[in-house]
C-alpha atoms as a PDB file:
ATOM      1  CA  MET A   1     124.809  92.359 119.931  1.00  0.00           C
ATOM      2  CA  ALA A   2     127.334  95.481 118.944  1.00  0.00           C
ATOM      3  CA  GLU A   3     130.917  94.950 119.372  1.00  0.00           C
ATOM      4  CA  LEU A   4     132.920  96.314 121.848  1.00  0.00           C
ATOM      5  CA  GLN A   5     135.591  98.824 120.605  1.00  0.00           C
ATOM      6  CA  GLU A   6     138.998  97.832 122.680  1.00  0.00           C
ATOM      7  CA  TYR A   7     141.811 100.457 122.627  1.00  0.00           C
ATOM      8  CA  LYS A   8     145.449 100.860 122.831  1.00  0.00           C
ATOM      9  CA  CYS A   9     146.836 103.098 124.631  1.00  0.00           C
ATOM     10  CA  PRO A  10     149.397 104.568 122.090  1.00  0.00           C
ATOM     11  CA  CYS A  11     152.067 105.427 124.415  1.00  0.00           C
ATOM     12  CA  CYS A  12     152.767 102.560 126.509  1.00  0.00           C
ATOM     13  CA  GLY A  13     150.510  99.961 123.961  1.00  0.00           C
ATOM     14  CA  GLY A  14     148.606  98.968 127.726  1.00  0.00           C
ATOM     15  CA  ALA A  15     144.755  98.594 126.737  1.00  0.00           C
ATOM     16  CA  ILE A  16     142.833 101.561 128.282  1.00  0.00           C
ATOM     17  CA  ALA A  17     139.144 102.342 129.394  1.00  0.00           C
ATOM     18  CA  PHE A  18     136.913 105.265 129.672  1.00  0.00           C
ATOM     19  CA  ASP A  19     137.177 106.945 133.129  1.00  0.00           C
ATOM     20  CA  SER A  20     134.057 108.173 134.574  1.00  0.00           C
ATOM     21  CA  THR A  21     135.336 110.245 136.806  1.00  0.00           C
ATOM     22  CA  LEU A  22     137.260 112.210 134.726  1.00  0.00           C
ATOM     23  CA  GLN A  23     134.872 111.303 131.781  1.00  0.00           C
ATOM     24  CA  LYS A  24     138.015 110.152 129.780  1.00  0.00           C
ATOM     25  CA  MET A  25     139.961 107.944 128.233  1.00  0.00           C
ATOM     26  CA  LYS A  26     142.755 106.548 131.445  1.00  0.00           C
ATOM     27  CA  CYS A  27     145.635 104.146 130.747  1.00  0.00           C
ATOM     28  CA  PRO A  28     145.552 101.966 133.871  1.00  0.00           C
ATOM     29  CA  TYR A  29     149.320 100.912 133.394  1.00  0.00           C
ATOM     30  CA  CYS A  30     151.024 104.805 132.170  1.00  0.00           C
ATOM     31  CA  ASP A  31     148.106 107.165 133.688  1.00  0.00           C
ATOM     32  CA  THR A  32     147.697 109.300 130.412  1.00  0.00           C
ATOM     33  CA  GLU A  33     144.488 110.555 129.699  1.00  0.00           C
ATOM     34  CA  PHE A  34     142.610 111.057 125.893  1.00  0.00           C
ATOM     35  CA  GLU A  35     139.909 112.377 124.648  1.00  0.00           C
ATOM     36  CA  MET A  36     137.588 109.822 123.074  1.00  0.00           C
ATOM     37  CA  GLU A  37     137.625 111.976 119.834  1.00  0.00           C
ATOM     38  CA  THR A  38     141.454 112.098 119.630  1.00  0.00           C
ATOM     39  CA  LEU A  39     141.232 108.336 120.039  1.00  0.00           C
ATOM     40  CA  LYS A  40     138.972 107.976 117.716  1.00  0.00           C
ATOM     41  CA  SER A  41     141.235 109.798 115.003  1.00  0.00           C
ATOM     42  CA  TYR A  42     144.098 108.581 115.578  1.00  0.00           C
ATOM     43  CA  ASP A  43     142.273 104.443 115.515  1.00  0.00           C
ATOM     44  CA  GLU A  44     141.253 105.746 112.093  1.00  0.00           C
ATOM     45  CA  GLU A  45     144.593 106.402 110.621  1.00  0.00           C
ATOM     46  CA  LEU A  46     145.959 103.913 111.839  1.00  0.00           C
ATOM     47  CA  LYS A  47     143.745 101.336 109.515  1.00  0.00           C
ATOM     48  CA  LYS A  48     144.525 103.561 106.447  1.00  0.00           C
ATOM     49  CA  GLU A  49     148.358 102.645 106.974  1.00  0.00           C
ATOM     50  CA  PRO A  50     149.253 100.917 103.728  1.00  0.00           C
ATOM     51  CA  VAL A  51     151.397  97.170 103.296  1.00  0.00           C
ATOM     52  CA  GLU A  52     154.461  97.413 102.411  1.00  0.00           C
ATOM     53  CA  ASP A  53     155.237  96.108  99.073  1.00  0.00           C
ATOM     54  CA  MET A  54     158.964  94.819  97.748  1.00  0.00           C
ATOM     55  CA  GLN A  55     158.657  93.278  94.615  1.00  0.00           C
ATOM     56  CA  TRP A  56     160.793  93.627  92.147  1.00  0.00           C
ATOM     57  CA  GLU A  57     161.376  92.861  88.072  1.00  0.00           C
ATOM     58  CA  ASN A  58     163.225  89.498  87.400  1.00  0.00           C
ATOM     59  CA  THR A  59     165.377  90.939  84.216  1.00  0.00           C
ATOM     60  CA  ALA A  60     169.122  90.438  85.731  1.00  0.00           C
ATOM     61  CA  GLY A  61     171.677  89.391  82.653  1.00  0.00           C
ATOM     62  CA  SER A  62     170.905  87.696  79.724  1.00  0.00           C
ATOM     63  CA  GLU A  63     171.823  84.160  78.049  1.00  0.00           C
ATOM     64  CA  TRP A  64     175.227  83.702  76.413  1.00  0.00           C
ATOM     65  CA  GLN A  65     175.584  84.133  72.469  1.00  0.00           C
ATOM     66  CA  SER A  66     176.971  81.431  70.956  1.00  0.00           C
ATOM     67  CA  GLY A  67     180.677  81.348  70.569  1.00  0.00           C
ATOM     68  CA  GLU A  68     181.162  84.048  73.951  1.00  0.00           C
ATOM     69  CA  THR A  69     181.997  81.808  76.639  1.00  0.00           C
ATOM     70  CA  ASP A  70     184.973  79.648  73.793  1.00  0.00           C
ATOM     71  CA  GLY A  71     187.836  81.354  76.036  1.00  0.00           C
ATOM     72  CA  LEU A  72     186.699  81.148  79.127  1.00  0.00           C
ATOM     73  CA  ARG A  73     187.223  77.843  81.688  1.00  0.00           C
ATOM     74  CA  ILE A  74     185.688  77.084  85.084  1.00  0.00           C
ATOM     75  CA  TYR A  75     188.144  76.404  88.231  1.00  0.00           C
ATOM     76  CA  ILE A  76     186.763  74.627  91.257  1.00  0.00           C
ATOM     77  CA  CYS A  77     187.544  74.873  94.780  1.00  0.00           C
ATOM     78  CA  LYS A  78     187.914  71.204  96.138  1.00  0.00           C
ATOM     79  CA  SER A  79     188.354  72.647  99.704  1.00  0.00           C
ATOM     80  CA  CYS A  80     185.515  75.546 100.215  1.00  0.00           C
ATOM     81  CA  GLY A  81     183.206  74.760  96.734  1.00  0.00           C
ATOM     82  CA  GLY A  82     184.512  78.366  95.129  1.00  0.00           C
ATOM     83  CA  GLU A  83     183.434  78.868  91.079  1.00  0.00           C
ATOM     84  CA  ILE A  84     186.082  80.964  89.649  1.00  0.00           C
ATOM     85  CA  VAL A  85     186.075  81.694  86.200  1.00  0.00           C
ATOM     86  CA  GLY A  86     189.787  82.274  84.339  1.00  0.00           C
ATOM     87  CA  ASP A  87     190.707  82.938  80.549  1.00  0.00           C
ATOM     88  CA  GLU A  88     192.121  80.129  78.384  1.00  0.00           C
ATOM     89  CA  ASN A  89     195.679  81.428  79.355  1.00  0.00           C
ATOM     90  CA  THR A  90     195.647  81.035  83.258  1.00  0.00           C
ATOM     91  CA  ALA A  91     197.895  78.543  84.592  1.00  0.00           C
ATOM     92  CA  ALA A  92     197.147  76.917  87.246  1.00  0.00           C
ATOM     93  CA  THR A  93     196.221  79.115  90.117  1.00  0.00           C
ATOM     94  CA  SER A  94     195.038  79.086  93.934  1.00  0.00           C
ATOM     95  CA  CYS A  95     191.796  80.021  95.919  1.00  0.00           C
ATOM     96  CA  PRO A  96     191.443  83.323  96.312  1.00  0.00           C
ATOM     97  CA  TYR A  97     189.231  82.579  99.117  1.00  0.00           C
ATOM     98  CA  CYS A  98     190.872  79.613 101.199  1.00  0.00           C
ATOM     99  CA  GLY A  99     194.765  80.294  99.080  1.00  0.00           C
ATOM    100  CA  ASN A 100     194.090  75.867  98.580  1.00  0.00           C
ATOM    101  CA  PRO A 101     194.595  74.445  94.792  1.00  0.00           C
ATOM    102  CA  VAL A 102     192.340  74.595  92.179  1.00  0.00           C
ATOM    103  CA  VAL A 103     191.159  72.555  89.123  1.00  0.00           C
ATOM    104  CA  MET A 104     190.300  73.464  86.139  1.00  0.00           C
ATOM    105  CA  THR A 105     187.177  71.440  85.290  1.00  0.00           C
ATOM    106  CA  GLY A 106     186.081  72.962  81.486  1.00  0.00           C
ATOM    107  CA  GLN A 107     183.970  75.713  79.497  1.00  0.00           C
ATOM    108  CA  LEU A 108     181.713  77.864  81.366  1.00  0.00           C
ATOM    109  CA  SER A 109     177.872  77.101  81.228  1.00  0.00           C
ATOM    110  CA  GLY A 110     174.973  77.368  83.757  1.00  0.00           C
ATOM    111  CA  ALA A 111     175.366  81.007  84.680  1.00  0.00           C
ATOM    112  CA  LEU A 112     174.001  84.560  83.049  1.00  0.00           C
ATOM    113  CA  LYS A 113     176.312  87.100  81.203  1.00  0.00           C
ATOM    114  CA  PRO A 114     177.126  89.710  82.749  1.00  0.00           C
ATOM    115  CA  ASP A 115     175.357  93.555  81.930  1.00  0.00           C
ATOM    116  CA  TYR A 116     178.249  95.344  83.207  1.00  0.00           C
ATOM    117  CA  VAL A 117     181.962  95.238  84.508  1.00  0.00           C
ATOM    118  CA  ILE A 118     183.644  98.168  85.922  1.00  0.00           C
ATOM    119  CA  PRO A 119     187.832  97.731  84.443  1.00  0.00           C
ATOM    120  CA  PHE A 120     190.233  97.022  87.344  1.00  0.00           C
ATOM    121  CA  LYS A 121     191.718 100.691  87.366  1.00  0.00           C
ATOM    122  CA  LEU A 122     194.752  99.994  89.792  1.00  0.00           C
ATOM    123  CA  ASP A 123     197.155  97.231  89.182  1.00  0.00           C
ATOM    124  CA  LYS A 124     198.919  93.868  91.014  1.00  0.00           C
ATOM    125  CA  LYS A 125     201.799  97.146  91.628  1.00  0.00           C
ATOM    126  CA  ALA A 126     199.357  99.387  92.775  1.00  0.00           C
ATOM    127  CA  ALA A 127     197.895  96.508  95.607  1.00  0.00           C
ATOM    128  CA  LYS A 128     201.072  95.599  96.551  1.00  0.00           C
ATOM    129  CA  GLU A 129     202.116  98.894  97.514  1.00  0.00           C
ATOM    130  CA  ALA A 130     198.295  99.453  99.354  1.00  0.00           C
ATOM    131  CA  LEU A 131     199.571  96.056 101.297  1.00  0.00           C
ATOM    132  CA  ASN A 132     203.077  96.773 102.167  1.00  0.00           C
ATOM    133  CA  LYS A 133     201.863 100.043 103.255  1.00  0.00           C
ATOM    134  CA  HIS A 134     198.738  99.133 105.193  1.00  0.00           C
ATOM    135  CA  TYR A 135     201.080  96.223 106.708  1.00  0.00           C
ATOM    136  CA  GLY A 136     203.967  98.911 107.974  1.00  0.00           C
ATOM    137  CA  ARG A 137     201.372 100.138 109.995  1.00  0.00           C
ATOM    138  CA  LYS A 138     201.035  97.096 112.251  1.00  0.00           C
ATOM    139  CA  ARG A 139     203.788  96.776 114.812  1.00  0.00           C
ATOM    140  CA  LEU A 140     202.358  93.318 115.989  1.00  0.00           C
ATOM    141  CA  LEU A 141     201.532  91.661 112.702  1.00  0.00           C
ATOM    142  CA  PRO A 142     202.726  87.989 112.259  1.00  0.00           C
ATOM    143  CA  LYS A 143     206.512  87.892 110.372  1.00  0.00           C
ATOM    144  CA  VAL A 144     203.567  86.089 107.423  1.00  0.00           C
ATOM    145  CA  PHE A 145     201.647  88.838 106.585  1.00  0.00           C
ATOM    146  CA  LYS A 146     204.769  91.150 106.246  1.00  0.00           C
ATOM    147  CA  ASP A 147     206.716  88.391 103.668  1.00  0.00           C
ATOM    148  CA  GLN A 148     206.891  90.166 100.379  1.00  0.00           C
ATOM    149  CA  ASN A 149     206.377  86.949  98.836  1.00  0.00           C
ATOM    150  CA  HIS A 150     202.559  86.444 100.692  1.00  0.00           C
ATOM    151  CA  ILE A 151     202.056  89.902  99.985  1.00  0.00           C
ATOM    152  CA  ASP A 152     202.466  88.679  95.917  1.00  0.00           C
ATOM    153  CA  GLU A 153     199.896  85.912  96.166  1.00  0.00           C
ATOM    154  CA  VAL A 154     197.045  88.751  96.386  1.00  0.00           C
ATOM    155  CA  LYS A 155     194.664  88.571  92.895  1.00  0.00           C
ATOM    156  CA  GLY A 156     192.418  90.787  90.919  1.00  0.00           C
ATOM    157  CA  ILE A 157     189.521  89.055  90.925  1.00  0.00           C
ATOM    158  CA  TYR A 158     185.984  90.153  89.656  1.00  0.00           C
ATOM    159  CA  VAL A 159     183.065  90.133  92.137  1.00  0.00           C
ATOM    160  CA  PRO A 160     179.360  89.405  90.905  1.00  0.00           C
ATOM    161  CA  PHE A 161     177.107  92.372  92.232  1.00  0.00           C
ATOM    162  CA  TRP A 162     173.697  92.694  91.490  1.00  0.00           C
ATOM    163  CA  ILE A 163     172.655  95.988  90.619  1.00  0.00           C
ATOM    164  CA  PHE A 164     169.268  96.985  92.119  1.00  0.00           C
ATOM    165  CA  ASP A 165     167.204 100.422  90.484  1.00  0.00           C
ATOM    166  CA  ALA A 166     163.691 101.885  92.515  1.00  0.00           C
ATOM    167  CA  TYR A 167     161.629 104.029  93.518  1.00  0.00           C
ATOM    168  CA  ALA A 168     160.743 103.230  97.411  1.00  0.00           C
ATOM    169  CA  ASP A 169     157.329 105.183  98.259  1.00  0.00           C
ATOM    170  CA  ALA A 170     157.034 105.575 102.118  1.00  0.00           C
ATOM    171  CA  ASP A 171     154.898 105.823 104.889  1.00  0.00           C
ATOM    172  CA  ILE A 172     156.245 105.884 108.588  1.00  0.00           C
ATOM    173  CA  ARG A 173     154.834 106.290 111.868  1.00  0.00           C
ATOM    174  CA  TYR A 174     156.445 107.599 114.686  1.00  0.00           C
ATOM    175  CA  ARG A 175     156.242 108.169 118.620  1.00  0.00           C
ATOM    176  CA  ALA A 176     157.649 111.589 119.789  1.00  0.00           C
ATOM    177  CA  THR A 177     157.528 113.069 123.819  1.00  0.00           C
ATOM    178  CA  HIS A 178     158.743 116.288 124.455  1.00  0.00           C
ATOM    179  CA  VAL A 179     159.917 116.417 127.519  1.00  0.00           C
ATOM    180  CA  ARG A 180     159.322 120.021 129.830  1.00  0.00           C
ATOM    181  CA  ALA A 181     160.857 120.225 133.164  1.00  0.00           C
ATOM    182  CA  TRP A 182     160.338 122.835 135.769  1.00  0.00           C
ATOM    183  CA  SER A 183     160.356 123.727 139.520  1.00  0.00           C
ATOM    184  CA  ASP A 184     159.169 126.077 142.002  1.00  0.00           C
ATOM    185  CA  SER A 185     160.279 126.903 145.763  1.00  0.00           C
ATOM    186  CA  ASN A 186     158.331 124.100 146.460  1.00  0.00           C
ATOM    187  CA  TYR A 187     158.513 120.945 144.319  1.00  0.00           C
ATOM    188  CA  ASN A 188     160.232 119.754 140.671  1.00  0.00           C
ATOM    189  CA  TYR A 189     158.024 119.534 137.691  1.00  0.00           C
ATOM    190  CA  THR A 190     158.066 117.253 134.268  1.00  0.00           C
ATOM    191  CA  GLU A 191     155.849 117.540 132.029  1.00  0.00           C
ATOM    192  CA  THR A 192     155.728 114.843 129.004  1.00  0.00           C
ATOM    193  CA  SER A 193     153.683 115.296 126.204  1.00  0.00           C
ATOM    194  CA  HIS A 194     153.166 112.202 123.377  1.00  0.00           C
ATOM    195  CA  TYR A 195     152.994 112.597 119.751  1.00  0.00           C
ATOM    196  CA  SER A 196     151.667 110.430 116.540  1.00  0.00           C
ATOM    197  CA  VAL A 197     154.399 111.889 113.918  1.00  0.00           C
ATOM    198  CA  THR A 198     153.659 109.967 109.953  1.00  0.00           C
ATOM    199  CA  ARG A 199     156.323 110.521 107.519  1.00  0.00           C
ATOM    200  CA  GLY A 200     155.084 110.000 104.000  1.00  0.00           C
ATOM    201  CA  GLY A 201     157.082 110.289 100.443  1.00  0.00           C
ATOM    202  CA  SER A 202     158.942 109.073  97.521  1.00  0.00           C
ATOM    203  CA  ILE A 203     163.073 108.401  97.379  1.00  0.00           C
ATOM    204  CA  GLY A 204     165.055 107.266  94.277  1.00  0.00           C
ATOM    205  CA  PHE A 205     167.795 104.276  94.688  1.00  0.00           C
ATOM    206  CA  GLU A 206     169.876 103.409  91.554  1.00  0.00           C
ATOM    207  CA  LYS A 207     172.750 100.938  91.353  1.00  0.00           C
ATOM    208  CA  VAL A 208     172.035  99.815  95.144  1.00  0.00           C
ATOM    209  CA  PRO A 209     174.466  97.041  95.015  1.00  0.00           C
ATOM    210  CA  VAL A 210     174.691  93.182  96.651  1.00  0.00           C
ATOM    211  CA  ASP A 211     177.884  90.781  95.676  1.00  0.00           C
ATOM    212  CA  GLY A 212     176.370  87.829  94.777  1.00  0.00           C
ATOM    213  CA  SER A 213     178.883  85.588  96.107  1.00  0.00           C
ATOM    214  CA  SER A 214     178.166  83.118  99.087  1.00  0.00           C
ATOM    215  CA  LYS A 215     181.913  82.748  99.357  1.00  0.00           C
ATOM    216  CA  MET A 216     182.437  86.694  99.975  1.00  0.00           C
ATOM    217  CA  PRO A 217     181.133  88.517 102.828  1.00  0.00           C
ATOM    218  CA  ASP A 218     178.801  90.952 102.557  1.00  0.00           C
ATOM    219  CA  ASP A 219     180.109  93.588 105.302  1.00  0.00           C
ATOM    220  CA  LEU A 220     183.621  92.927 103.598  1.00  0.00           C
ATOM    221  CA  MET A 221     182.341  94.148 100.169  1.00  0.00           C
ATOM    222  CA  GLU A 222     180.168  96.438 101.801  1.00  0.00           C
ATOM    223  CA  SER A 223     183.252  98.006 103.550  1.00  0.00           C
ATOM    224  CA  ILE A 224     185.172  98.524 100.261  1.00  0.00           C
ATOM    225  CA  GLU A 225     181.644 100.604  98.497  1.00  0.00           C
ATOM    226  CA  PRO A 226     181.141 102.836  96.988  1.00  0.00           C
ATOM    227  CA  PHE A 227     181.961 101.662  93.168  1.00  0.00           C
ATOM    228  CA  ASP A 228     181.741 104.051  90.834  1.00  0.00           C
ATOM    229  CA  PHE A 229     179.201 102.945  88.493  1.00  0.00           C
ATOM    230  CA  SER A 230     179.840 105.807  86.152  1.00  0.00           C
ATOM    231  CA  GLU A 231     183.114 103.858  84.913  1.00  0.00           C
ATOM    232  CA  ALA A 232     180.604 101.084  84.275  1.00  0.00           C
ATOM    233  CA  VAL A 233     180.841  99.785  80.631  1.00  0.00           C
ATOM    234  CA  ASP A 234     179.145  97.046  78.384  1.00  0.00           C
ATOM    235  CA  PHE A 235     180.744  93.080  79.778  1.00  0.00           C
ATOM    236  CA  GLN A 236     183.134  91.969  76.927  1.00  0.00           C
ATOM    237  CA  THR A 237     184.958  89.566  78.300  1.00  0.00           C
ATOM    238  CA  ALA A 238     188.300  91.106  77.279  1.00  0.00           C
ATOM    239  CA  TYR A 239     188.139  92.540  80.609  1.00  0.00           C
ATOM    240  CA  LEU A 240     188.864  89.028  82.446  1.00  0.00           C
ATOM    241  CA  ALA A 241     191.976  88.713  80.503  1.00  0.00           C
ATOM    242  CA  GLY A 242     194.421  88.140  83.375  1.00  0.00           C
ATOM    243  CA  TYR A 243     191.956  88.548  86.348  1.00  0.00           C
ATOM    244  CA  LEU A 244     189.730  85.518  87.595  1.00  0.00           C
ATOM    245  CA  ALA A 245     185.758  86.511  87.679  1.00  0.00           C
ATOM    246  CA  ASP A 246     183.892  84.951  90.635  1.00  0.00           C
ATOM    247  CA  LYS A 247     180.690  82.408  89.476  1.00  0.00           C
ATOM    248  CA  TYR A 248     178.029  83.651  91.286  1.00  0.00           C
ATOM    249  CA  ASP A 249     175.945  81.150  93.592  1.00  0.00           C
ATOM    250  CA  VAL A 250     174.074  83.321  94.644  1.00  0.00           C
ATOM    251  CA  ASP A 251     171.068  84.292  92.534  1.00  0.00           C
ATOM    252  CA  GLU A 252     169.495  87.852  92.180  1.00  0.00           C
ATOM    253  CA  GLN A 253     166.265  85.876  93.947  1.00  0.00           C
ATOM    254  CA  GLN A 254     168.026  85.287  96.722  1.00  0.00           C
ATOM    255  CA  SER A 255     169.263  88.942  96.858  1.00  0.00           C
ATOM    256  CA  VAL A 256     166.508  90.797  96.971  1.00  0.00           C
ATOM    257  CA  GLU A 257     166.292  90.510 100.642  1.00  0.00           C
ATOM    258  CA  ARG A 258     169.262  92.218 101.345  1.00  0.00           C
ATOM    259  CA  ALA A 259     168.685  94.507  98.912  1.00  0.00           C
ATOM    260  CA  ASN A 260     165.206  95.262 100.502  1.00  0.00           C
ATOM    261  CA  GLU A 261     167.170  95.850 103.983  1.00  0.00           C
ATOM    262  CA  ARG A 262     169.510  97.934 102.038  1.00  0.00           C
ATOM    263  CA  ILE A 263     166.324 100.528 100.910  1.00  0.00           C
ATOM    264  CA  LYS A 264     164.164 100.325 103.480  1.00  0.00           C
ATOM    265  CA  GLN A 265     167.384 101.250 106.326  1.00  0.00           C
ATOM    266  CA  SER A 266     168.331 104.037 103.940  1.00  0.00           C
ATOM    267  CA  THR A 267     164.896 105.309 104.027  1.00  0.00           C
ATOM    268  CA  GLU A 268     164.158 105.002 107.282  1.00  0.00           C
ATOM    269  CA  ASN A 269     167.082 106.947 107.795  1.00  0.00           C
ATOM    270  CA  ALA A 270     166.333 109.423 105.479  1.00  0.00           C
ATOM    271  CA  PHE A 271     163.055 110.182 106.721  1.00  0.00           C
ATOM    272  CA  ALA A 272     164.068 110.352 110.575  1.00  0.00           C
ATOM    273  CA  SER A 273     166.613 112.681 109.851  1.00  0.00           C
ATOM    274  CA  THR A 274     162.957 115.209 108.812  1.00  0.00           C
ATOM    275  CA  VAL A 275     161.383 114.421 112.539  1.00  0.00           C
ATOM    276  CA  GLN A 276     163.657 117.263 114.826  1.00  0.00           C
ATOM    277  CA  GLY A 277     162.543 119.288 118.063  1.00  0.00           C
ATOM    278  CA  TYR A 278     161.183 116.675 120.271  1.00  0.00           C
ATOM    279  CA  THR A 279     162.605 114.909 123.166  1.00  0.00           C
ATOM    280  CA  THR A 280     162.566 111.206 122.028  1.00  0.00           C
ATOM    281  CA  VAL A 281     161.687 109.602 118.266  1.00  0.00           C
ATOM    282  CA  MET A 282     160.619 105.815 118.087  1.00  0.00           C
ATOM    283  CA  PRO A 283     159.270 104.515 114.900  1.00  0.00           C
ATOM    284  CA  GLU A 284     156.019 103.323 115.311  1.00  0.00           C
ATOM    285  CA  SER A 285     155.667 101.394 111.871  1.00  0.00           C
ATOM    286  CA  THR A 286     157.121 101.478 108.585  1.00  0.00           C
ATOM    287  CA  SER A 287     155.845 100.606 104.820  1.00  0.00           C
ATOM    288  CA  VAL A 288     157.518 100.568 102.128  1.00  0.00           C
ATOM    289  CA  LYS A 289     156.442 100.285  98.440  1.00  0.00           C
ATOM    290  CA  LEU A 290     158.338  99.647  95.548  1.00  0.00           C
ATOM    291  CA  ASN A 291     157.664 100.921  92.222  1.00  0.00           C
ATOM    292  CA  ASN A 292     159.523 100.397  88.955  1.00  0.00           C
ATOM    293  CA  GLY A 293     162.357  98.048  90.605  1.00  0.00           C
ATOM    294  CA  SER A 294     164.755  96.221  88.303  1.00  0.00           C
ATOM    295  CA  ALA A 295     167.725  94.584  88.568  1.00  0.00           C
ATOM    296  CA  LYS A 296     171.234  94.038  86.659  1.00  0.00           C
ATOM    297  CA  TYR A 297     174.361  91.674  86.463  1.00  0.00           C
ATOM    298  CA  ALA A 298     177.589  93.364  87.232  1.00  0.00           C
ATOM    299  CA  LEU A 299     181.131  92.836  87.693  1.00  0.00           C
ATOM    300  CA  TYR A 300     183.451  94.937  90.111  1.00  0.00           C
ATOM    301  CA  PRO A 301     186.791  94.756  90.718  1.00  0.00           C
ATOM    302  CA  VAL A 302     188.626  93.839  93.628  1.00  0.00           C
ATOM    303  CA  TRP A 303     191.847  92.643  94.703  1.00  0.00           C
ATOM    304  CA  ILE A 304     192.150  90.175  97.983  1.00  0.00           C
ATOM    305  CA  LEU A 305     194.602  88.285  99.261  1.00  0.00           C
ATOM    306  CA  ASN A 306     193.523  84.910 101.675  1.00  0.00           C
ATOM    307  CA  THR A 307     195.845  84.209 104.462  1.00  0.00           C
ATOM    308  CA  LYS A 308     195.428  81.781 107.644  1.00  0.00           C
ATOM    309  CA  TRP A 309     197.037  81.846 110.680  1.00  0.00           C
ATOM    310  CA  ASN A 310     196.345  79.382 113.760  1.00  0.00           C
ATOM    311  CA  GLY A 311     193.752  77.855 111.902  1.00  0.00           C
ATOM    312  CA  LYS A 312     191.879  80.691 111.181  1.00  0.00           C
ATOM    313  CA  ASN A 313     191.132  83.056 107.744  1.00  0.00           C
ATOM    314  CA  TYR A 314     192.037  86.429 107.542  1.00  0.00           C
ATOM    315  CA  THR A 315     190.581  88.034 104.308  1.00  0.00           C
ATOM    316  CA  PHE A 316     192.003  91.653 103.047  1.00  0.00           C
ATOM    317  CA  ALA A 317     190.178  93.310 100.005  1.00  0.00           C
ATOM    318  CA  MET A 318     190.737  96.524  98.174  1.00  0.00           C
ATOM    319  CA  ASN A 319     188.642  98.258  95.582  1.00  0.00           C
ATOM    320  CA  GLY A 320     190.338  97.723  92.229  1.00  0.00           C
ATOM    321  CA  GLN A 321     188.589 101.015  91.393  1.00  0.00           C
ATOM    322  CA  THR A 322     189.380 103.438  94.123  1.00  0.00           C
ATOM    323  CA  GLY A 323     191.834 101.553  96.301  1.00  0.00           C
ATOM    324  CA  LYS A 324     190.339 102.044  99.773  1.00  0.00           C
ATOM    325  CA  LEU A 325     190.846  98.474 101.764  1.00  0.00           C
ATOM    326  CA  VAL A 326     189.772  96.428 104.603  1.00  0.00           C
ATOM    327  CA  GLY A 327     190.564  93.441 106.139  1.00  0.00           C
ATOM    328  CA  ASP A 328     190.748  91.679 109.957  1.00  0.00           C
ATOM    329  CA  LEU A 329     194.448  91.553 110.855  1.00  0.00           C
ATOM    330  CA  PRO A 330     195.411  89.108 113.335  1.00  0.00           C
ATOM    331  CA  LEU A 331     197.749  89.812 116.734  1.00  0.00           C
ATOM    332  CA  ASP A 332     201.480  88.409 117.338  1.00  0.00           C
ATOM    333  CA  LYS A 333     201.310  87.698 120.927  1.00  0.00           C
ATOM    334  CA  LYS A 334     204.977  87.186 121.433  1.00  0.00           C
ATOM    335  CA  ALA A 335     205.537  90.745 120.008  1.00  0.00           C
ATOM    336  CA  TYR A 336     202.723  92.034 122.083  1.00  0.00           C
ATOM    337  CA  LYS A 337     204.702  90.442 125.066  1.00  0.00           C
ATOM    338  CA  LYS A 338     207.511  92.061 123.832  1.00  0.00           C
ATOM    339  CA  TRP A 339     206.348  95.611 123.257  1.00  0.00           C
ATOM    340  CA  MET A 340     204.292  95.221 126.923  1.00  0.00           C
ATOM    341  CA  PHE A 341     207.544  94.621 128.604  1.00  0.00           C
ATOM    342  CA  GLY A 342     208.956  97.222 126.714  1.00  0.00           C
ATOM    343  CA  LEU A 343     206.815  99.488 127.495  1.00  0.00           C
ATOM    344  CA  THR A 344     206.106  98.300 131.420  1.00  0.00           C
ATOM    345  CA  GLY A 345     210.033  99.235 131.050  1.00  0.00           C
ATOM    346  CA  ALA A 346     210.078 102.177 129.661  1.00  0.00           C
ATOM    347  CA  VAL A 347     207.165 103.506 132.626  1.00  0.00           C
ATOM    348  CA  GLY A 348     208.951 102.013 135.062  1.00  0.00           C
ATOM    349  CA  ALA A 349     212.479 104.339 134.419  1.00  0.00           C
ATOM    350  CA  VAL A 350     210.446 107.250 133.449  1.00  0.00           C
ATOM    351  CA  VAL A 351     208.391 106.865 137.335  1.00  0.00           C
ATOM    352  CA  PHE A 352     212.041 106.042 138.327  1.00  0.00           C
ATOM    353  CA  ALA A 353     213.509 109.348 137.057  1.00  0.00           C
ATOM    354  CA  VAL A 354     210.513 111.802 138.327  1.00  0.00           C
ATOM    355  CA  SER A 355     210.995 110.261 141.642  1.00  0.00           C
ATOM    356  CA  TRP A 356     215.002 110.636 141.315  1.00  0.00           C
ATOM    357  CA  LEU A 357     214.696 114.561 140.742  1.00  0.00           C
ATOM    358  CA  LEU A 358     211.824 114.818 142.990  1.00  0.00           C
ATOM    359  CA  TRP A 359     213.885 114.061 146.228  1.00  0.00           C
ATOM    360  CA  LEU A 360     216.784 116.010 144.615  1.00  0.00           C
ATOM    361  CA  LEU A 361     214.311 119.369 145.105  1.00  0.00           C
END
């Protein structure tokens, strides 16, 4: 017995059937009509769509050589569990993520050696000046944020990043429409044409960063991008002198999903920009395959300041290479009420003055 072929409507996804009156295939849901040969051709194209494949080689980092970690120490925060690395001259310090004291536990162990490091280009003075300038524009910021002693607590920390390189071969199919409208003396007409649009090609990606610290929010780190990797150098422990370094707790394999998300999104955006001339365009299927995918381990420079206000943490971060800064800031409600009262009074005075002037006229 022959297997019954069922077709789905390319426009709405509903099941379609042959209409003997029209001698065409018709969708009972959106009333779109199709030639049988057109549907067969469309169905064959769908069967040829490739399967997505986004795999990576495990090549990031290397083992520490004998003696390389002798001058490095591990500090553990008992509050948030963060592990940071400092040199042997690092005095008692506080956690850059929650502000609580950290305890030195011993030498560095159980971690890969970074492949690259981007050295700090902006010093602590530049970070403090940027903070003062940033805070100075916020009239309703609580006083603790503008306090000089608070700003002095800004810390330079090397944040661990996994850096991904790959070529992406992509095949993307879109559902598109073109709407034409016109009218005559009796009626208004609308004609909607439906299209299946395909795009295929390759796109290269270099140094796609994913931070390897669970304590450092991804959106915060992505907000201070980009880092200029052309200034990266082979890692040496000497670059850690005077700074802290976060010990990664999200390894390369755990970071692959985020790297794939960023690469897939960028690929889709690049291909979608080529689909033009239609009224609507909706992606229907996406297949991305990676070639020559590899990853490296690098440390990126970040100035960070963490503050607690009314039981909530507020984090300020600045790119230690470019100076780009971001941070969430609280609102001083008392200052806001005073400002609103003053603003209301000023508006009232202006209204009164205008009314008096109009009365005189």
